[in-house]
Amino acid sequence: MRILGIDPGLQCTGFGVIDAEGAALHYVASGTIQTSPKDGALLPGRLKVLFDGISEVVARYQPEVSACEIVFVNVNPQATLLLGQARGACLTALVANQLEVAEYTALQLKKAVAGSGRAGKPQMQEMVKRLLRLPGLPGKDAADALGLAITHAQVHRTLQAIGKVAAQNARTHASYKAGRIY
């Protein structure tokens, strides 16, 4: 399964693509999509850059699913609003390209990749490097995006295992009682 991870940001959006074959993870690509008000672009133009950039990544690497970070509420409401709009442009690009989108918080990402919800950026970069057997550290935004893809691979594998167990333990008879199926 090919997974695209997206770490949304208005100035710098990270992306990471991995292939997951069971428990084996393989690096495919990663990078960032940059926008800057210094280039003279107003907010709508910058959001279009993000939309087009994500669409280009999807067209080039053909992922089957995607994972995007859920934005946390910041102390600065203006920054939170801008980040939310950037995330919206990313989500719209993913959905416009017919990709299923899974969403994870930063805490879920850090726990899945580094084993601690308090892991810092350098620790995340190092763990992504180790998990994907990369020759060097990925950039901060690309590392988070790769981490989101890794997180989704782990969650997907776990849900598949649960589904197999549930199917094996399914009862052959069922009766409807008080709104529940037993």
N, C-alpha and C. Protein backbone atom coordinates (compact mmCIF):
# COMPACT_ATOMS: atom_id res chain seq x y z
N MET A 1 0.85 -1.17 0.00
CA MET A 1 0.00 0.00 0.00
C MET A 1 0.90 1.24 0.00
N ARG A 2 0.64 2.15 -0.90
CA ARG A 2 1.40 3.40 -0.96
C ARG A 2 0.63 4.48 -0.20
N ILE A 3 1.31 5.13 0.75
CA ILE A 3 0.69 6.11 1.63
C ILE A 3 1.38 7.46 1.47
N LEU A 4 0.56 8.52 1.36
CA LEU A 4 1.05 9.88 1.30
C LEU A 4 0.73 10.56 2.62
N GLY A 5 1.75 11.07 3.31
CA GLY A 5 1.56 11.83 4.54
C GLY A 5 1.71 13.31 4.24
N ILE A 6 0.86 14.13 4.87
CA ILE A 6 0.89 15.58 4.67
C ILE A 6 0.96 16.27 6.03
N ASP A 7 1.98 17.12 6.19
CA ASP A 7 2.12 17.98 7.37
C ASP A 7 1.80 19.40 6.91
N PRO A 8 0.54 19.85 7.09
CA PRO A 8 0.14 21.12 6.51
C PRO A 8 0.75 22.33 7.20
N GLY A 9 1.03 23.34 6.41
CA GLY A 9 1.53 24.62 6.90
C GLY A 9 1.38 25.63 5.79
N LEU A 10 1.15 26.89 6.13
CA LEU A 10 0.96 27.89 5.10
C LEU A 10 2.29 28.25 4.43
N GLN A 11 3.36 28.36 5.21
CA GLN A 11 4.66 28.68 4.62
C GLN A 11 5.37 27.45 4.10
N CYS A 12 5.22 26.34 4.82
CA CYS A 12 5.93 25.12 4.43
C CYS A 12 5.05 23.90 4.74
N THR A 13 4.62 23.23 3.70
CA THR A 13 3.83 22.00 3.85
C THR A 13 4.74 20.83 3.50
N GLY A 14 4.87 19.90 4.43
CA GLY A 14 5.70 18.72 4.18
C GLY A 14 4.89 17.60 3.58
N PHE A 15 5.54 16.81 2.73
CA PHE A 15 4.90 15.61 2.21
C PHE A 15 5.89 14.45 2.29
N GLY A 16 5.35 13.26 2.48
CA GLY A 16 6.17 12.06 2.52
C GLY A 16 5.40 10.89 1.96
N VAL A 17 6.06 10.09 1.15
CA VAL A 17 5.42 8.94 0.52
C VAL A 17 6.20 7.69 0.90
N ILE A 18 5.47 6.68 1.38
CA ILE A 18 6.09 5.40 1.72
C ILE A 18 5.27 4.26 1.13
N ASP A 19 5.91 3.12 0.98
CA ASP A 19 5.22 1.89 0.64
C ASP A 19 5.23 1.02 1.89
N ALA A 20 4.07 0.45 2.22
CA ALA A 20 3.95 -0.44 3.37
C ALA A 20 3.56 -1.82 2.86
N GLU A 21 4.40 -2.80 3.16
CA GLU A 21 4.13 -4.20 2.81
C GLU A 21 4.16 -4.98 4.11
N GLY A 22 3.00 -5.19 4.71
CA GLY A 22 2.95 -5.80 6.03
C GLY A 22 3.62 -4.88 7.03
N ALA A 23 4.60 -5.39 7.76
CA ALA A 23 5.33 -4.56 8.72
C ALA A 23 6.50 -3.83 8.09
N ALA A 24 6.83 -4.18 6.85
CA ALA A 24 7.98 -3.54 6.17
C ALA A 24 7.57 -2.19 5.59
N LEU A 25 8.40 -1.19 5.85
CA LEU A 25 8.16 0.16 5.35
C LEU A 25 9.30 0.55 4.41
N HIS A 26 8.95 1.14 3.28
CA HIS A 26 9.95 1.54 2.29
C HIS A 26 9.75 3.00 1.90
N TYR A 27 10.81 3.77 1.97
CA TYR A 27 10.79 5.17 1.59
C TYR A 27 10.62 5.29 0.08
N VAL A 28 9.76 6.22 -0.35
CA VAL A 28 9.57 6.50 -1.76
C VAL A 28 10.04 7.92 -2.08
N ALA A 29 9.50 8.92 -1.36
CA ALA A 29 9.86 10.31 -1.62
C ALA A 29 9.41 11.20 -0.47
N SER A 30 10.00 12.37 -0.38
CA SER A 30 9.56 13.37 0.60
C SER A 30 10.05 14.73 0.15
N GLY A 31 9.46 15.76 0.73
CA GLY A 31 9.87 17.11 0.40
C GLY A 31 8.92 18.12 1.01
N THR A 32 9.00 19.34 0.53
CA THR A 32 8.15 20.41 1.03
C THR A 32 7.59 21.22 -0.13
N ILE A 33 6.47 21.85 0.14
CA ILE A 33 5.85 22.81 -0.78
C ILE A 33 5.90 24.14 -0.05
N GLN A 34 6.59 25.09 -0.63
CA GLN A 34 6.83 26.39 0.01
C GLN A 34 5.92 27.48 -0.57
N THR A 35 5.40 28.33 0.30
CA THR A 35 4.72 29.55 -0.14
C THR A 35 5.24 30.69 0.73
N SER A 36 5.23 31.89 0.18
CA SER A 36 5.74 33.02 0.95
C SER A 36 5.02 34.30 0.55
N PRO A 37 4.63 35.11 1.54
CA PRO A 37 4.02 36.40 1.20
C PRO A 37 5.04 37.35 0.57
N LYS A 38 6.31 37.05 0.75
CA LYS A 38 7.37 37.89 0.17
C LYS A 38 7.37 37.81 -1.35
N ASP A 39 6.82 36.72 -1.89
CA ASP A 39 6.74 36.56 -3.34
C ASP A 39 5.62 37.41 -3.93
N GLY A 40 4.92 38.14 -3.08
CA GLY A 40 3.82 38.98 -3.54
C GLY A 40 2.49 38.27 -3.63
N ALA A 41 2.46 36.99 -3.24
CA ALA A 41 1.22 36.22 -3.33
C ALA A 41 0.34 36.50 -2.12
N LEU A 42 -0.92 36.79 -2.40
CA LEU A 42 -1.89 36.95 -1.33
C LEU A 42 -2.36 35.56 -0.90
N LEU A 43 -3.10 35.51 0.18
CA LEU A 43 -3.53 34.22 0.75
C LEU A 43 -4.18 33.29 -0.27
N PRO A 44 -5.14 33.74 -1.08
CA PRO A 44 -5.74 32.81 -2.04
C PRO A 44 -4.72 32.21 -3.01
N GLY A 45 -3.75 32.99 -3.45
CA GLY A 45 -2.71 32.48 -4.33
C GLY A 45 -1.83 31.45 -3.65
N ARG A 46 -1.52 31.70 -2.38
CA ARG A 46 -0.70 30.75 -1.63
C ARG A 46 -1.44 29.43 -1.41
N LEU A 47 -2.75 29.51 -1.16
CA LEU A 47 -3.55 28.30 -1.00
C LEU A 47 -3.60 27.51 -2.30
N LYS A 48 -3.65 28.20 -3.42
CA LYS A 48 -3.63 27.53 -4.73
C LYS A 48 -2.29 26.82 -4.95
N VAL A 49 -1.20 27.44 -4.52
CA VAL A 49 0.11 26.80 -4.63
C VAL A 49 0.10 25.47 -3.86
N LEU A 50 -0.48 25.47 -2.65
CA LEU A 50 -0.57 24.24 -1.86
C LEU A 50 -1.44 23.20 -2.58
N PHE A 51 -2.60 23.62 -3.06
CA PHE A 51 -3.51 22.71 -3.76
C PHE A 51 -2.81 22.09 -4.96
N ASP A 52 -2.20 22.93 -5.78
CA ASP A 52 -1.52 22.44 -6.98
C ASP A 52 -0.32 21.55 -6.63
N GLY A 53 0.41 21.92 -5.58
CA GLY A 53 1.57 21.12 -5.17
C GLY A 53 1.18 19.73 -4.70
N ILE A 54 0.13 19.65 -3.88
CA ILE A 54 -0.36 18.35 -3.42
C ILE A 54 -0.87 17.53 -4.61
N SER A 55 -1.59 18.17 -5.51
CA SER A 55 -2.10 17.47 -6.69
C SER A 55 -0.96 16.92 -7.54
N GLU A 56 0.12 17.67 -7.66
CA GLU A 56 1.29 17.22 -8.42
C GLU A 56 1.95 16.00 -7.76
N VAL A 57 2.06 16.05 -6.43
CA VAL A 57 2.64 14.92 -5.69
C VAL A 57 1.78 13.67 -5.89
N VAL A 58 0.46 13.83 -5.81
CA VAL A 58 -0.44 12.69 -6.00
C VAL A 58 -0.29 12.12 -7.41
N ALA A 59 -0.24 13.00 -8.42
CA ALA A 59 -0.10 12.54 -9.80
C ALA A 59 1.22 11.82 -10.03
N ARG A 60 2.28 12.31 -9.41
CA ARG A 60 3.61 11.72 -9.62
C ARG A 60 3.77 10.38 -8.92
N TYR A 61 3.32 10.28 -7.66
CA TYR A 61 3.62 9.08 -6.86
C TYR A 61 2.45 8.11 -6.73
N GLN A 62 1.25 8.49 -7.14
CA GLN A 62 0.08 7.60 -7.17
C GLN A 62 -0.19 6.88 -5.84
N PRO A 63 -0.33 7.61 -4.73
CA PRO A 63 -0.63 6.94 -3.45
C PRO A 63 -2.05 6.36 -3.47
N GLU A 64 -2.25 5.35 -2.63
CA GLU A 64 -3.57 4.73 -2.51
C GLU A 64 -4.39 5.39 -1.42
N VAL A 65 -3.73 5.86 -0.37
CA VAL A 65 -4.40 6.54 0.75
C VAL A 65 -3.51 7.69 1.21
N SER A 66 -4.09 8.55 2.05
CA SER A 66 -3.30 9.66 2.58
C SER A 66 -3.59 9.84 4.07
N ALA A 67 -2.66 10.52 4.73
CA ALA A 67 -2.80 10.85 6.15
C ALA A 67 -2.40 12.30 6.33
N CYS A 68 -3.19 13.04 7.10
CA CYS A 68 -2.94 14.47 7.30
C CYS A 68 -2.99 14.78 8.80
N GLU A 69 -2.15 15.69 9.22
CA GLU A 69 -2.12 16.07 10.64
C GLU A 69 -3.31 16.97 10.96
N ILE A 70 -3.90 16.73 12.11
CA ILE A 70 -4.99 17.57 12.62
C ILE A 70 -4.36 18.78 13.28
N VAL A 71 -4.86 19.96 12.94
CA VAL A 71 -4.33 21.21 13.46
C VAL A 71 -4.75 21.38 14.92
N PHE A 72 -3.80 21.81 15.74
CA PHE A 72 -4.12 22.11 17.13
C PHE A 72 -4.43 23.60 17.24
N VAL A 73 -5.21 23.97 18.26
CA VAL A 73 -5.54 25.38 18.47
C VAL A 73 -4.36 26.06 19.13
N ASN A 74 -3.89 27.10 18.50
CA ASN A 74 -2.72 27.84 18.91
C ASN A 74 -3.09 28.97 19.86
N VAL A 75 -2.11 29.57 20.49
CA VAL A 75 -2.34 30.73 21.34
C VAL A 75 -2.75 31.93 20.48
N ASN A 76 -2.18 32.02 19.28
CA ASN A 76 -2.47 33.10 18.36
C ASN A 76 -3.61 32.68 17.43
N PRO A 77 -4.81 33.28 17.60
CA PRO A 77 -5.94 32.86 16.78
C PRO A 77 -5.73 33.12 15.28
N GLN A 78 -5.04 34.19 14.93
CA GLN A 78 -4.79 34.49 13.51
C GLN A 78 -3.92 33.41 12.88
N ALA A 79 -2.89 32.97 13.59
CA ALA A 79 -2.01 31.91 13.07
C ALA A 79 -2.78 30.61 12.94
N THR A 80 -3.65 30.31 13.89
CA THR A 80 -4.46 29.10 13.85
C THR A 80 -5.40 29.13 12.65
N LEU A 81 -6.00 30.28 12.39
CA LEU A 81 -6.91 30.42 11.26
C LEU A 81 -6.17 30.21 9.94
N LEU A 82 -5.00 30.80 9.80
CA LEU A 82 -4.21 30.64 8.57
C LEU A 82 -3.78 29.18 8.38
N LEU A 83 -3.36 28.54 9.46
CA LEU A 83 -2.97 27.14 9.38
C LEU A 83 -4.16 26.27 8.99
N GLY A 84 -5.32 26.58 9.54
CA GLY A 84 -6.54 25.83 9.20
C GLY A 84 -6.90 25.98 7.73
N GLN A 85 -6.68 27.17 7.19
CA GLN A 85 -6.96 27.37 5.77
C GLN A 85 -5.97 26.60 4.90
N ALA A 86 -4.71 26.57 5.31
CA ALA A 86 -3.71 25.79 4.58
C ALA A 86 -4.06 24.31 4.63
N ARG A 87 -4.47 23.84 5.79
CA ARG A 87 -4.87 22.44 5.94
C ARG A 87 -6.07 22.14 5.06
N GLY A 88 -7.01 23.07 5.00
CA GLY A 88 -8.19 22.91 4.15
C GLY A 88 -7.81 22.77 2.68
N ALA A 89 -6.85 23.57 2.23
CA ALA A 89 -6.39 23.47 0.84
C ALA A 89 -5.76 22.10 0.58
N CYS A 90 -5.00 21.61 1.55
CA CYS A 90 -4.37 20.29 1.42
C CYS A 90 -5.42 19.18 1.38
N LEU A 91 -6.38 19.23 2.30
CA LEU A 91 -7.43 18.22 2.34
C LEU A 91 -8.26 18.24 1.06
N THR A 92 -8.55 19.44 0.57
CA THR A 92 -9.33 19.56 -0.66
C THR A 92 -8.58 18.94 -1.83
N ALA A 93 -7.29 19.16 -1.90
CA ALA A 93 -6.48 18.57 -2.98
C ALA A 93 -6.49 17.05 -2.89
N LEU A 94 -6.39 16.52 -1.68
CA LEU A 94 -6.39 15.06 -1.51
C LEU A 94 -7.73 14.47 -1.94
N VAL A 95 -8.82 15.08 -1.49
CA VAL A 95 -10.15 14.58 -1.81
C VAL A 95 -10.45 14.78 -3.30
N ALA A 96 -10.03 15.90 -3.87
CA ALA A 96 -10.24 16.16 -5.30
C ALA A 96 -9.52 15.12 -6.16
N ASN A 97 -8.47 14.53 -5.62
CA ASN A 97 -7.73 13.47 -6.32
C ASN A 97 -8.18 12.07 -5.91
N GLN A 98 -9.38 11.97 -5.35
CA GLN A 98 -10.02 10.71 -4.96
C GLN A 98 -9.21 9.88 -3.97
N LEU A 99 -8.54 10.55 -3.04
CA LEU A 99 -7.80 9.82 -2.01
C LEU A 99 -8.59 9.78 -0.71
N GLU A 100 -8.57 8.63 -0.08
CA GLU A 100 -9.11 8.49 1.27
C GLU A 100 -8.15 9.23 2.20
N VAL A 101 -8.70 9.97 3.18
CA VAL A 101 -7.86 10.76 4.08
C VAL A 101 -8.05 10.29 5.51
N ALA A 102 -6.95 9.89 6.15
CA ALA A 102 -6.96 9.58 7.59
C ALA A 102 -6.34 10.79 8.29
N GLU A 103 -6.81 11.08 9.49
CA GLU A 103 -6.31 12.24 10.21
C GLU A 103 -5.78 11.82 11.58
N TYR A 104 -4.63 12.38 11.93
CA TYR A 104 -3.99 12.07 13.21
C TYR A 104 -3.52 13.35 13.88
N THR A 105 -3.58 13.37 15.21
CA THR A 105 -3.07 14.51 15.96
C THR A 105 -1.54 14.40 16.07
N ALA A 106 -0.92 15.49 16.46
CA ALA A 106 0.53 15.47 16.68
C ALA A 106 0.89 14.48 17.78
N LEU A 107 0.06 14.37 18.80
CA LEU A 107 0.31 13.43 19.89
C LEU A 107 0.27 11.99 19.38
N GLN A 108 -0.72 11.65 18.57
CA GLN A 108 -0.80 10.30 18.01
C GLN A 108 0.41 10.01 17.13
N LEU A 109 0.81 10.99 16.33
CA LEU A 109 1.97 10.84 15.46
C LEU A 109 3.23 10.57 16.28
N LYS A 110 3.47 11.38 17.30
CA LYS A 110 4.69 11.25 18.10
C LYS A 110 4.71 9.93 18.87
N LYS A 111 3.57 9.51 19.39
CA LYS A 111 3.51 8.23 20.11
C LYS A 111 3.78 7.06 19.18
N ALA A 112 3.21 7.11 17.98
CA ALA A 112 3.36 6.00 17.04
C ALA A 112 4.79 5.89 16.52
N VAL A 113 5.44 7.01 16.29
CA VAL A 113 6.78 7.00 15.68
C VAL A 113 7.89 6.97 16.72
N ALA A 114 7.79 7.82 17.73
CA ALA A 114 8.88 7.94 18.70
C ALA A 114 8.59 7.26 20.03
N GLY A 115 7.35 6.84 20.24
CA GLY A 115 7.00 6.17 21.49
C GLY A 115 6.66 7.12 22.62
N SER A 116 6.73 8.43 22.37
CA SER A 116 6.42 9.42 23.39
C SER A 116 5.70 10.60 22.75
N GLY A 117 4.62 11.03 23.38
CA GLY A 117 3.87 12.17 22.89
C GLY A 117 4.60 13.49 23.07
N ARG A 118 5.71 13.46 23.80
CA ARG A 118 6.50 14.68 24.04
C ARG A 118 7.77 14.73 23.20
N ALA A 119 7.86 13.88 22.21
CA ALA A 119 9.06 13.84 21.36
C ALA A 119 9.22 15.16 20.61
N GLY A 120 10.45 15.63 20.55
CA GLY A 120 10.75 16.87 19.83
C GLY A 120 11.03 16.59 18.36
N LYS A 121 11.19 17.67 17.61
CA LYS A 121 11.47 17.54 16.17
C LYS A 121 12.72 16.71 15.89
N PRO A 122 13.85 16.95 16.59
CA PRO A 122 15.05 16.15 16.31
C PRO A 122 14.84 14.65 16.58
N GLN A 123 14.10 14.33 17.63
CA GLN A 123 13.84 12.93 17.94
C GLN A 123 12.95 12.30 16.86
N MET A 124 11.98 13.05 16.38
CA MET A 124 11.11 12.55 15.30
C MET A 124 11.92 12.32 14.03
N GLN A 125 12.79 13.26 13.71
CA GLN A 125 13.63 13.10 12.52
C GLN A 125 14.49 11.84 12.61
N GLU A 126 15.09 11.62 13.77
CA GLU A 126 15.95 10.46 13.96
C GLU A 126 15.16 9.15 13.86
N MET A 127 13.97 9.11 14.46
CA MET A 127 13.17 7.89 14.41
C MET A 127 12.68 7.59 12.99
N VAL A 128 12.29 8.62 12.26
CA VAL A 128 11.86 8.42 10.87
C VAL A 128 13.05 7.90 10.06
N LYS A 129 14.21 8.47 10.29
CA LYS A 129 15.42 8.01 9.60
C LYS A 129 15.66 6.53 9.88
N ARG A 130 15.53 6.12 11.13
CA ARG A 130 15.77 4.72 11.50
C ARG A 130 14.70 3.78 10.94
N LEU A 131 13.43 4.18 11.09
CA LEU A 131 12.34 3.32 10.65
C LEU A 131 12.36 3.10 9.14
N LEU A 132 12.77 4.11 8.39
CA LEU A 132 12.80 4.00 6.93
C LEU A 132 14.19 3.71 6.39
N ARG A 133 15.16 3.54 7.30
CA ARG A 133 16.55 3.24 6.92
C ARG A 133 17.09 4.26 5.90
N LEU A 134 16.92 5.54 6.24
CA LEU A 134 17.40 6.62 5.37
C LEU A 134 18.87 6.90 5.64
N PRO A 135 19.60 7.36 4.66
CA PRO A 135 21.03 7.66 4.85
C PRO A 135 21.28 8.93 5.68
N GLY A 136 20.29 9.82 5.72
CA GLY A 136 20.44 11.07 6.48
C GLY A 136 19.11 11.50 7.06
N LEU A 137 19.15 12.55 7.87
CA LEU A 137 17.93 13.04 8.49
C LEU A 137 17.06 13.77 7.46
N PRO A 138 15.77 13.48 7.44
CA PRO A 138 14.88 14.26 6.58
C PRO A 138 14.64 15.63 7.21
N GLY A 139 14.19 16.59 6.44
CA GLY A 139 13.84 17.90 6.98
C GLY A 139 12.71 17.77 7.99
N LYS A 140 12.53 18.79 8.82
CA LYS A 140 11.53 18.72 9.90
C LYS A 140 10.12 18.48 9.38
N ASP A 141 9.71 19.26 8.38
CA ASP A 141 8.35 19.10 7.86
C ASP A 141 8.19 17.79 7.10
N ALA A 142 9.19 17.40 6.34
CA ALA A 142 9.15 16.13 5.62
C ALA A 142 9.15 14.97 6.61
N ALA A 143 9.89 15.08 7.71
CA ALA A 143 9.92 14.02 8.72
C ALA A 143 8.54 13.83 9.35
N ASP A 144 7.86 14.94 9.64
CA ASP A 144 6.51 14.83 10.20
C ASP A 144 5.56 14.18 9.20
N ALA A 145 5.69 14.56 7.92
CA ALA A 145 4.84 13.97 6.89
C ALA A 145 5.11 12.47 6.73
N LEU A 146 6.38 12.10 6.72
CA LEU A 146 6.73 10.67 6.66
C LEU A 146 6.22 9.95 7.91
N GLY A 147 6.31 10.62 9.06
CA GLY A 147 5.80 10.05 10.30
C GLY A 147 4.31 9.81 10.25
N LEU A 148 3.57 10.71 9.61
CA LEU A 148 2.12 10.51 9.45
C LEU A 148 1.84 9.28 8.58
N ALA A 149 2.61 9.12 7.53
CA ALA A 149 2.45 7.94 6.67
C ALA A 149 2.78 6.66 7.45
N ILE A 150 3.83 6.71 8.25
CA ILE A 150 4.20 5.56 9.09
C ILE A 150 3.09 5.25 10.08
N THR A 151 2.55 6.29 10.72
CA THR A 151 1.46 6.13 11.68
C THR A 151 0.27 5.45 11.01
N HIS A 152 -0.07 5.90 9.82
CA HIS A 152 -1.22 5.30 9.13
C HIS A 152 -0.94 3.85 8.77
N ALA A 153 0.27 3.54 8.37
CA ALA A 153 0.62 2.15 8.04
C ALA A 153 0.43 1.27 9.28
N GLN A 154 0.85 1.75 10.44
CA GLN A 154 0.71 0.97 11.68
C GLN A 154 -0.75 0.80 12.05
N VAL A 155 -1.52 1.88 11.96
CA VAL A 155 -2.94 1.83 12.31
C VAL A 155 -3.67 0.90 11.34
N HIS A 156 -3.39 1.02 10.07
CA HIS A 156 -4.04 0.18 9.06
C HIS A 156 -3.75 -1.30 9.31
N ARG A 157 -2.49 -1.62 9.59
CA ARG A 157 -2.11 -3.00 9.86
C ARG A 157 -2.84 -3.53 11.09
N THR A 158 -2.95 -2.71 12.13
CA THR A 158 -3.65 -3.11 13.36
C THR A 158 -5.13 -3.33 13.09
N LEU A 159 -5.75 -2.42 12.34
CA LEU A 159 -7.18 -2.57 12.04
C LEU A 159 -7.45 -3.81 11.19
N GLN A 160 -6.54 -4.12 10.29
CA GLN A 160 -6.69 -5.35 9.49
C GLN A 160 -6.63 -6.58 10.39
N ALA A 161 -5.71 -6.58 11.34
CA ALA A 161 -5.59 -7.72 12.26
C ALA A 161 -6.85 -7.85 13.11
N ILE A 162 -7.37 -6.74 13.59
CA ILE A 162 -8.60 -6.77 14.39
C ILE A 162 -9.76 -7.29 13.54
N GLY A 163 -9.82 -6.84 12.29
CA GLY A 163 -10.88 -7.30 11.40
C GLY A 163 -10.83 -8.79 11.16
N LYS A 164 -9.63 -9.34 11.04
CA LYS A 164 -9.49 -10.79 10.84
C LYS A 164 -9.96 -11.55 12.06
N VAL A 165 -9.59 -11.07 13.24
CA VAL A 165 -10.00 -11.73 14.48
C VAL A 165 -11.51 -11.62 14.65
N ALA A 166 -12.05 -10.44 14.37
CA ALA A 166 -13.50 -10.25 14.51
C ALA A 166 -14.25 -11.16 13.55
N ALA A 167 -13.73 -11.31 12.33
CA ALA A 167 -14.38 -12.20 11.35
C ALA A 167 -14.33 -13.65 11.81
N GLN A 168 -13.23 -14.05 12.43
CA GLN A 168 -13.10 -15.43 12.91
C GLN A 168 -14.02 -15.69 14.09
N ASN A 169 -14.24 -14.67 14.91
CA ASN A 169 -15.07 -14.83 16.10
C ASN A 169 -16.52 -14.43 15.90
N ALA A 170 -16.89 -14.10 14.67
CA ALA A 170 -18.27 -13.67 14.41
C ALA A 170 -19.23 -14.82 14.69
N ARG A 171 -20.34 -14.49 15.28
CA ARG A 171 -21.36 -15.49 15.56
C ARG A 171 -22.13 -15.80 14.28
N THR A 172 -22.52 -17.02 14.16
CA THR A 172 -23.25 -17.41 12.96
C THR A 172 -24.73 -17.08 13.08
N HIS A 173 -25.20 -16.79 14.27
CA HIS A 173 -26.59 -16.40 14.44
C HIS A 173 -26.63 -15.03 15.10
N ALA A 174 -27.67 -14.33 14.86
CA ALA A 174 -27.82 -13.01 15.47
C ALA A 174 -29.29 -12.75 15.72
N SER A 175 -29.56 -12.03 16.77
CA SER A 175 -30.93 -11.63 17.03
C SER A 175 -30.92 -10.15 17.38
N TYR A 176 -31.98 -9.50 17.02
CA TYR A 176 -32.08 -8.06 17.26
C TYR A 176 -32.79 -7.87 18.59
N LYS A 177 -32.08 -7.21 19.53
CA LYS A 177 -32.66 -7.08 20.85
C LYS A 177 -32.31 -5.69 21.37
N ALA A 178 -33.30 -4.90 21.67
CA ALA A 178 -33.12 -3.56 22.27
C ALA A 178 -32.18 -2.69 21.43
N GLY A 179 -32.28 -2.78 20.14
CA GLY A 179 -31.48 -1.91 19.29
C GLY A 179 -30.06 -2.38 19.03
N ARG A 180 -29.71 -3.57 19.48
CA ARG A 180 -28.36 -4.07 19.28
C ARG A 180 -28.41 -5.41 18.60
N ILE A 181 -27.37 -5.69 17.84
CA ILE A 181 -27.28 -6.99 17.20
C ILE A 181 -26.31 -7.83 18.01
N TYR A 182 -26.74 -9.02 18.42
CA TYR A 182 -25.91 -9.91 19.22
C TYR A 182 -25.54 -11.13 18.43
